[in-house]
Amino acid sequence: MRPTYLEVNLSQLKQNLENIRAHVAPAKVLVVLKANAYGHGVDGVAPFIAPFADYIGVAIVEEGIHLRKMGIATPILVMGGTLREQLPDFFEYDLTLAASSLDLLTAADQLAESTRKRIKTHLKIDTGMERIGVREYEAEALIEKSLACSQFVEVEGIFTHFANSEILEPLESPSLLGADSKLSDSKVKASLQLERFQEVLYIYEKRSEPQPAIRHTANSGATLSLPESYYDMVRPGVLFYGVYPARDIEKTIEVKPVLTWKSKVVYSKVTLPGRGVSYGSLWHTEAESRIATVPCGYADGYFRRNTNQGRVIINGKSYPQVGRVCMDQFMVNAGEDDIKVGDEVTLMGNGIAPEELANWAGTNEYEVMTNISARVPRVFVGAVQ
């Protein structure tokens, strides 16, 4: 196996889920396994965690198909946008459709009725993200259609997604359906979006037909700090993997990172003063220094933007990354320390948080984790049920 690999602690992942579930009970928990389980490796994560999850969320239909082909039987919601020509896959693989438009719901209903096959849908309401979904002030037509669908379409749920779930200041004036709801801030507060979503639910309450059985809005930020958004189910993404979605958010649920990124020194040599290191000679030795080479680079997801900013841990000690990060390797300045070929290197975890790598690269923790390349092996540990 490559000396550069990810170690994924499945026992900690299950503990994170249990802590989230205890906090939000009696609400159900949908675990988000999109983007290769946030870079953790869906082939190892999904079979282990599926028996403990109420629902699974993915972004695209291909991710749902992959899980079904693995034998995952847990309900799967495809949360992203879907084209009409992709609808047959939802029937074939028993996937739940995010009905994000009147046209899409109508097409699903027509296909279901013509093929006499059943499909589950969750209505997607756009309360301020402006990505996919019917805006809350235009939702009545979608609701009317959902009530008129054939017996082969089960409108099981209704949901929205927060644009700023960490912004929770009270509203000065509640949003109402109609013109007022079109007013926007530079940042749409989660509390405002929740008001808009509730107005959509009121449309159902005015009818004799029941509301969808599963109402859900809470992503990781809202799961931590907006209990009124739990409804029937929460959707923790990055929180499920042990990373908090904002640096200053209140940590009301204890979770720990699941992932440790490791490698080994493949070359170690003493370099004379004044020598340039790596492409462009962006860093020079000031004194005689031991330079260690780590077999990991930007093709593995260790960003080139980390150049001369990153650090690693070798033999329990922190060392700076120096010189430009290469496609497959980067260098570390060990100074006068005797670093040997084969010594273990920690790139993330055990004292180096995902937030730190995000700071070096000028991005967020989500991109750090999901950009770790498929060529980095995932090693799963702690799979004790």
Protein backbone atom coordinates (compact mmCIF):
# COMPACT_ATOMS: atom_id res chain seq x y z
CA MET A 1 0.00 0.00 0.00
CA ARG A 2 1.09 3.57 -0.61
CA PRO A 3 2.82 5.16 2.37
CA THR A 4 0.38 8.08 2.01
CA TYR A 5 -3.09 7.06 3.20
CA LEU A 6 -6.16 8.08 5.17
CA GLU A 7 -7.07 6.34 8.38
CA VAL A 8 -10.84 6.49 9.00
CA ASN A 9 -12.07 5.66 12.49
CA LEU A 10 -15.48 4.04 12.07
CA SER A 11 -16.07 3.68 15.81
CA GLN A 12 -15.72 7.44 16.21
CA LEU A 13 -18.05 7.97 13.25
CA LYS A 14 -20.71 5.87 14.96
CA GLN A 15 -20.15 7.74 18.21
CA ASN A 16 -20.64 11.05 16.41
CA LEU A 17 -23.93 9.77 15.01
CA GLU A 18 -25.07 8.56 18.43
CA ASN A 19 -24.27 11.94 20.00
CA ILE A 20 -26.18 13.77 17.28
CA ARG A 21 -29.15 11.41 17.58
CA ALA A 22 -29.33 11.84 21.35
CA HIS A 23 -29.29 15.63 20.97
CA VAL A 24 -32.04 15.89 18.34
CA ALA A 25 -34.36 13.08 19.52
CA PRO A 26 -37.09 12.27 18.62
CA ALA A 27 -36.10 13.59 15.19
CA LYS A 28 -34.63 11.12 12.71
CA VAL A 29 -31.07 11.50 11.36
CA LEU A 30 -30.14 11.55 7.68
CA VAL A 31 -26.39 11.04 7.22
CA VAL A 32 -24.87 12.74 4.20
CA LEU A 33 -22.64 10.41 2.18
CA LYS A 34 -22.18 12.59 -0.90
CA ALA A 35 -18.76 13.40 -2.40
CA ASN A 36 -17.24 10.04 -1.45
CA ALA A 37 -18.52 10.45 2.12
CA TYR A 38 -16.89 13.89 2.36
CA GLY A 39 -13.64 12.35 1.18
CA HIS A 40 -13.62 9.63 3.82
CA GLY A 41 -14.33 6.79 1.40
CA VAL A 42 -17.95 5.83 0.84
CA ASP A 43 -17.14 2.19 0.08
CA GLY A 44 -15.96 1.72 3.66
CA VAL A 45 -18.21 4.21 5.43
CA ALA A 46 -21.57 3.29 3.89
CA PRO A 47 -21.77 -0.45 4.71
CA PHE A 48 -20.75 0.24 8.28
CA ILE A 49 -22.96 3.23 9.06
CA ALA A 50 -26.09 2.44 7.00
CA PRO A 51 -27.66 0.13 9.64
CA PHE A 52 -27.52 2.97 12.17
CA ALA A 53 -28.91 5.73 9.91
CA ASP A 54 -32.58 6.53 9.32
CA TYR A 55 -31.88 8.01 5.90
CA ILE A 56 -28.91 8.62 3.61
CA GLY A 57 -28.40 11.78 1.57
CA VAL A 58 -26.42 12.03 -1.66
CA ALA A 59 -26.00 14.84 -4.17
CA ILE A 60 -26.37 13.06 -7.51
CA VAL A 61 -28.22 10.02 -8.77
CA GLU A 62 -24.99 8.16 -9.59
CA GLU A 63 -24.02 8.25 -5.93
CA GLY A 64 -27.34 6.69 -5.01
CA ILE A 65 -26.97 3.97 -7.66
CA HIS A 66 -23.49 3.17 -6.36
CA LEU A 67 -24.83 2.67 -2.84
CA ARG A 68 -27.64 0.40 -4.06
CA LYS A 69 -25.16 -1.70 -6.05
CA MET A 70 -23.17 -2.07 -2.82
CA GLY A 71 -26.26 -3.58 -1.21
CA ILE A 72 -27.27 -0.58 0.91
CA ALA A 73 -31.00 -0.86 1.69
CA THR A 74 -31.45 2.32 3.77
CA PRO A 75 -33.67 4.98 2.14
CA ILE A 76 -31.60 7.32 -0.06
CA LEU A 77 -32.56 10.91 -0.89
CA VAL A 78 -30.91 12.42 -3.98
CA MET A 79 -30.78 16.01 -2.79
CA GLY A 80 -29.36 17.72 -5.88
CA GLY A 81 -30.86 18.74 -9.19
CA THR A 82 -32.24 16.01 -11.47
CA LEU A 83 -33.01 15.94 -15.19
CA ARG A 84 -36.18 14.31 -16.51
CA GLU A 85 -34.13 11.72 -18.40
CA GLN A 86 -32.63 10.54 -15.11
CA LEU A 87 -36.01 9.70 -13.58
CA PRO A 88 -36.05 6.02 -14.63
CA ASP A 89 -33.03 5.42 -12.38
CA PHE A 90 -35.07 6.50 -9.35
CA PHE A 91 -37.62 3.78 -10.05
CA GLU A 92 -35.04 1.11 -10.87
CA TYR A 93 -32.87 1.71 -7.81
CA ASP A 94 -35.55 2.78 -5.31
CA LEU A 95 -34.16 6.29 -4.81
CA THR A 96 -36.08 9.21 -3.32
CA LEU A 97 -36.45 12.20 -5.63
CA ALA A 98 -35.99 15.82 -4.54
CA ALA A 99 -38.93 17.29 -6.45
CA SER A 100 -37.45 20.72 -7.05
CA SER A 101 -39.94 21.99 -9.65
CA LEU A 102 -43.51 21.54 -10.76
CA ASP A 103 -42.29 20.16 -14.11
CA LEU A 104 -40.09 17.54 -12.46
CA LEU A 105 -42.83 16.37 -10.10
CA THR A 106 -45.29 16.20 -13.01
CA ALA A 107 -42.82 14.19 -15.10
CA ALA A 108 -42.25 11.78 -12.21
CA ASP A 109 -46.00 11.36 -11.75
CA GLN A 110 -46.54 10.68 -15.45
CA LEU A 111 -43.72 8.12 -15.58
CA ALA A 112 -44.95 6.42 -12.41
CA GLU A 113 -48.49 6.14 -13.71
CA SER A 114 -47.42 4.88 -17.15
CA THR A 115 -45.04 2.24 -15.76
CA ARG A 116 -47.17 1.38 -12.70
CA LYS A 117 -44.03 1.75 -10.56
CA ARG A 118 -43.80 3.61 -7.28
CA ILE A 119 -41.50 6.49 -6.42
CA LYS A 120 -40.94 8.50 -3.23
CA THR A 121 -40.39 12.26 -3.41
CA HIS A 122 -39.48 15.09 -1.07
CA LEU A 123 -40.62 18.54 -2.15
CA LYS A 124 -37.69 21.00 -2.30
CA ILE A 125 -38.55 24.53 -1.20
CA ASP A 126 -36.10 27.36 -1.87
CA THR A 127 -36.31 29.76 1.08
CA GLY A 128 -33.20 31.78 0.32
CA MET A 129 -30.43 29.63 -1.16
CA GLU A 130 -31.41 30.41 -4.79
CA ARG A 131 -29.94 27.11 -5.95
CA ILE A 132 -32.66 24.55 -6.67
CA GLY A 133 -36.24 24.33 -5.47
CA VAL A 134 -39.48 26.25 -5.75
CA ARG A 135 -39.40 29.58 -3.92
CA GLU A 136 -41.62 29.72 -0.88
CA TYR A 137 -43.89 32.39 -2.39
CA GLU A 138 -44.46 30.19 -5.46
CA ALA A 139 -44.84 26.89 -3.62
CA GLU A 140 -48.63 26.58 -3.66
CA ALA A 141 -48.76 25.16 -7.20
CA LEU A 142 -46.19 22.49 -6.29
CA ILE A 143 -48.18 21.59 -3.20
CA GLU A 144 -51.43 21.36 -5.18
CA LYS A 145 -49.73 19.02 -7.64
CA SER A 146 -48.28 16.90 -4.81
CA LEU A 147 -51.81 16.42 -3.46
CA ALA A 148 -53.07 15.40 -6.90
CA CYS A 149 -50.32 12.90 -7.73
CA SER A 150 -51.24 9.37 -8.66
CA GLN A 151 -51.19 6.48 -6.22
CA PHE A 152 -47.76 5.56 -7.55
CA VAL A 153 -46.11 8.77 -6.23
CA GLU A 154 -45.61 9.04 -2.47
CA VAL A 155 -44.85 12.60 -1.38
CA GLU A 156 -42.99 11.48 1.70
CA GLY A 157 -41.18 14.66 2.70
CA ILE A 158 -40.67 18.38 2.29
CA PHE A 159 -37.44 20.27 2.96
CA THR A 160 -35.33 23.38 2.52
CA HIS A 161 -31.65 24.21 2.91
CA PHE A 162 -30.09 27.01 4.93
CA ALA A 163 -27.70 29.43 3.27
CA ASN A 164 -26.32 30.74 6.57
CA SER A 165 -27.22 28.38 9.37
CA GLU A 166 -24.83 30.04 11.81
CA ILE A 167 -26.64 33.41 11.53
CA LEU A 168 -29.48 33.09 14.01
CA GLU A 169 -30.42 36.62 15.12
CA PRO A 170 -34.17 37.09 15.75
CA LEU A 171 -36.18 38.69 12.97
CA GLU A 172 -37.45 42.22 13.47
CA SER A 173 -40.47 41.45 11.30
CA PRO A 174 -41.47 37.91 10.33
CA SER A 175 -41.55 36.99 6.66
CA LEU A 176 -44.92 36.30 5.05
CA LEU A 177 -45.79 34.69 1.77
CA GLY A 178 -46.09 37.25 -0.97
CA ALA A 179 -44.16 40.40 -1.74
CA ASP A 180 -42.57 40.69 1.72
CA SER A 181 -40.91 37.32 1.36
CA LYS A 182 -38.99 38.51 -1.69
CA LEU A 183 -37.10 41.06 0.39
CA SER A 184 -33.55 39.90 1.05
CA ASP A 185 -30.54 40.70 3.20
CA SER A 186 -26.98 40.39 1.98
CA LYS A 187 -27.07 37.25 4.08
CA VAL A 188 -30.41 35.50 4.45
CA LYS A 189 -30.66 34.52 8.10
CA ALA A 190 -31.61 30.96 9.01
CA SER A 191 -34.40 32.33 11.19
CA LEU A 192 -35.86 34.12 8.16
CA GLN A 193 -35.64 30.98 6.06
CA LEU A 194 -37.34 29.01 8.81
CA GLU A 195 -40.19 31.53 8.85
CA ARG A 196 -40.57 31.15 5.10
CA PHE A 197 -40.57 27.35 5.33
CA GLN A 198 -43.20 27.43 8.05
CA GLU A 199 -45.45 29.55 5.84
CA VAL A 200 -45.29 26.79 3.22
CA LEU A 201 -46.29 24.23 5.84
CA TYR A 202 -49.28 26.41 6.70
CA ILE A 203 -50.61 25.81 3.19
CA TYR A 204 -50.81 22.11 4.01
CA GLU A 205 -52.44 22.79 7.36
CA LYS A 206 -55.32 24.59 5.63
CA ARG A 207 -56.24 21.40 3.77
CA SER A 208 -57.74 18.16 4.92
CA GLU A 209 -54.89 16.18 3.38
CA PRO A 210 -51.99 15.40 5.74
CA GLN A 211 -48.63 17.11 5.48
CA PRO A 212 -45.65 15.05 4.24
CA ALA A 213 -44.49 12.70 6.95
CA ILE A 214 -40.89 13.95 6.98
CA ARG A 215 -40.21 17.68 7.30
CA HIS A 216 -36.52 18.57 7.42
CA THR A 217 -34.39 21.69 7.31
CA ALA A 218 -31.46 21.35 9.71
CA ASN A 219 -27.96 21.00 8.29
CA SER A 220 -24.89 20.81 10.55
CA GLY A 221 -25.05 24.42 11.74
CA ALA A 222 -28.75 24.31 12.49
CA THR A 223 -28.41 20.92 14.18
CA LEU A 224 -26.00 22.57 16.60
CA SER A 225 -27.82 25.81 17.27
CA LEU A 226 -31.41 25.94 15.98
CA PRO A 227 -33.54 23.30 17.75
CA GLU A 228 -36.77 24.67 16.27
CA SER A 229 -35.50 23.59 12.84
CA TYR A 230 -35.31 19.89 13.69
CA TYR A 231 -38.89 19.03 12.70
CA ASP A 232 -38.92 15.31 11.83
CA MET A 233 -35.33 14.82 10.64
CA VAL A 234 -31.93 16.54 10.62
CA ARG A 235 -29.23 16.32 7.94
CA PRO A 236 -25.75 16.57 9.52
CA GLY A 237 -22.99 16.62 6.92
CA VAL A 238 -19.59 17.83 8.07
CA LEU A 239 -20.70 17.54 11.71
CA PHE A 240 -21.28 13.81 11.25
CA TYR A 241 -17.59 13.48 10.30
CA GLY A 242 -16.51 15.28 13.46
CA VAL A 243 -15.84 18.76 12.09
CA TYR A 244 -17.76 21.85 13.20
CA PRO A 245 -19.20 23.93 10.33
CA ALA A 246 -17.97 27.28 11.69
CA ARG A 247 -15.02 28.21 13.87
CA ASP A 248 -17.03 30.20 16.42
CA ILE A 249 -20.26 28.20 16.49
CA GLU A 250 -21.41 26.90 19.88
CA LYS A 251 -20.38 23.27 20.20
CA THR A 252 -23.60 21.94 21.69
CA ILE A 253 -22.90 18.40 20.45
CA GLU A 254 -19.61 16.67 21.12
CA VAL A 255 -18.09 15.21 17.97
CA LYS A 256 -14.52 14.36 17.04
CA PRO A 257 -12.78 14.12 13.65
CA VAL A 258 -12.86 10.69 12.09
CA LEU A 259 -10.04 11.15 9.60
CA THR A 260 -6.25 11.08 10.03
CA TRP A 261 -4.04 11.72 6.99
CA LYS A 262 -0.71 9.94 7.24
CA SER A 263 2.42 9.35 5.21
CA LYS A 264 6.06 8.37 5.67
CA VAL A 265 9.34 10.08 4.94
CA VAL A 266 10.72 8.68 1.67
CA TYR A 267 13.92 10.72 1.53
CA SER A 268 16.01 12.60 4.11
CA LYS A 269 19.17 14.59 3.51
CA VAL A 270 21.19 17.44 4.98
CA THR A 271 21.09 20.51 2.73
CA LEU A 272 23.74 23.23 2.74
CA PRO A 273 22.95 26.88 3.55
CA GLY A 274 21.57 29.01 0.73
CA ARG A 275 20.14 26.13 -1.31
CA GLY A 276 16.73 26.62 -2.95
CA VAL A 277 14.09 23.98 -2.31
CA SER A 278 11.55 22.81 -4.91
CA TYR A 279 10.16 24.49 -8.05
CA GLY A 280 10.78 28.20 -8.32
CA SER A 281 13.24 28.17 -5.40
CA LEU A 282 10.67 29.96 -3.24
CA TRP A 283 12.39 28.91 -0.03
CA HIS A 284 16.10 28.75 0.80
CA THR A 285 17.96 27.17 3.70
CA GLU A 286 19.44 29.76 6.05
CA ALA A 287 21.66 27.21 7.75
CA GLU A 288 22.60 23.60 7.24
CA SER A 289 19.24 21.81 7.52
CA ARG A 290 17.76 18.37 7.20
CA ILE A 291 15.14 18.34 4.45
CA ALA A 292 12.66 15.44 4.51
CA THR A 293 10.58 14.52 1.48
CA VAL A 294 6.97 13.38 1.92
CA PRO A 295 5.32 11.41 -0.95
CA CYS A 296 2.15 13.48 -1.15
CA GLY A 297 1.30 16.44 -3.36
CA TYR A 298 -1.46 18.45 -4.93
CA ALA A 299 -2.51 15.47 -7.07
CA ASP A 300 -3.37 13.81 -3.76
CA GLY A 301 -5.29 16.83 -2.54
CA TYR A 302 -2.53 18.46 -0.49
CA PHE A 303 -3.07 21.90 -1.96
CA ARG A 304 -0.34 23.75 -3.82
CA ARG A 305 -1.59 26.79 -1.95
CA ASN A 306 -0.15 25.23 1.23
CA THR A 307 3.33 26.18 -0.05
CA ASN A 308 5.50 27.57 2.77
CA GLN A 309 2.48 27.70 5.09
CA GLY A 310 1.76 24.12 6.09
CA ARG A 311 3.15 21.97 8.83
CA VAL A 312 3.32 18.28 9.63
CA ILE A 313 4.05 16.17 12.68
CA ILE A 314 6.97 13.73 12.63
CA ASN A 315 7.92 11.73 15.72
CA GLY A 316 5.60 13.86 17.83
CA LYS A 317 7.14 17.18 16.75
CA SER A 318 5.78 19.85 14.41
CA TYR A 319 7.83 20.85 11.35
CA PRO A 320 7.15 23.43 8.62
CA GLN A 321 6.49 22.51 5.02
CA VAL A 322 9.00 24.36 2.82
CA GLY A 323 9.31 25.05 -0.89
CA ARG A 324 6.58 24.74 -3.45
CA VAL A 325 4.25 21.78 -3.01
CA CYS A 326 4.78 19.49 -6.02
CA MET A 327 2.26 17.27 -7.77
CA ASP A 328 3.35 14.15 -5.90
CA GLN A 329 5.72 15.28 -3.14
CA PHE A 330 6.53 18.10 -0.74
CA MET A 331 9.43 18.91 1.53
CA VAL A 332 9.74 19.57 5.26
CA ASN A 333 12.44 21.47 7.15
CA ALA A 334 13.52 19.30 10.09
CA GLY A 335 16.36 21.63 11.05
CA GLU A 336 18.97 19.78 13.09
CA ASP A 337 16.71 16.84 13.96
CA ASP A 338 17.57 13.34 12.78
CA ILE A 339 14.57 12.43 10.64
CA LYS A 340 14.91 9.05 8.95
CA VAL A 341 13.38 7.42 5.89
CA GLY A 342 10.28 5.53 7.04
CA ASP A 343 9.39 7.87 9.91
CA GLU A 344 5.63 8.43 10.12
CA VAL A 345 4.27 11.81 9.04
CA THR A 346 0.89 13.22 10.07
CA LEU A 347 -0.61 15.69 7.60
CA MET A 348 -4.02 16.02 9.28
CA GLY A 349 -5.29 14.77 12.61
CA ASN A 350 -3.49 14.15 15.92
CA GLY A 351 -2.95 17.85 16.49
CA ILE A 352 -3.46 19.25 12.98
CA ALA A 353 -7.12 20.14 12.50
CA PRO A 354 -8.89 20.33 9.12
CA GLU A 355 -9.49 24.00 9.90
CA GLU A 356 -5.73 24.55 9.92
CA LEU A 357 -5.27 23.07 6.46
CA ALA A 358 -8.20 25.18 5.30
CA ASN A 359 -6.54 28.33 6.60
CA TRP A 360 -3.30 27.58 4.76
CA ALA A 361 -5.14 27.07 1.48
CA GLY A 362 -7.59 29.93 1.89
CA THR A 363 -10.61 27.63 1.73
CA ASN A 364 -12.89 25.70 4.09
CA GLU A 365 -12.76 22.30 5.74
CA TYR A 366 -15.27 20.86 3.28
CA GLU A 367 -12.94 21.44 0.33
CA VAL A 368 -9.94 20.13 2.26
CA MET A 369 -11.64 16.78 2.91
CA THR A 370 -13.49 16.29 -0.37
CA ASN A 371 -10.41 17.11 -2.45
CA ILE A 372 -8.31 14.29 -1.06
CA SER A 373 -7.69 12.25 -4.18
CA ALA A 374 -9.03 8.77 -4.87
CA ARG A 375 -5.43 7.62 -5.32
CA VAL A 376 -4.92 8.04 -1.56
CA PRO A 377 -5.92 4.69 -0.02
CA ARG A 378 -8.55 4.73 2.75
CA VAL A 379 -7.87 2.42 5.69
CA PHE A 380 -10.86 1.78 7.96
CA VAL A 381 -10.27 1.04 11.62
CA GLY A 382 -12.43 0.52 14.69
CA ALA A 383 -15.32 -1.20 12.87
CA VAL A 384 -16.67 -2.79 16.05
CA GLN A 385 -20.46 -2.85 16.20
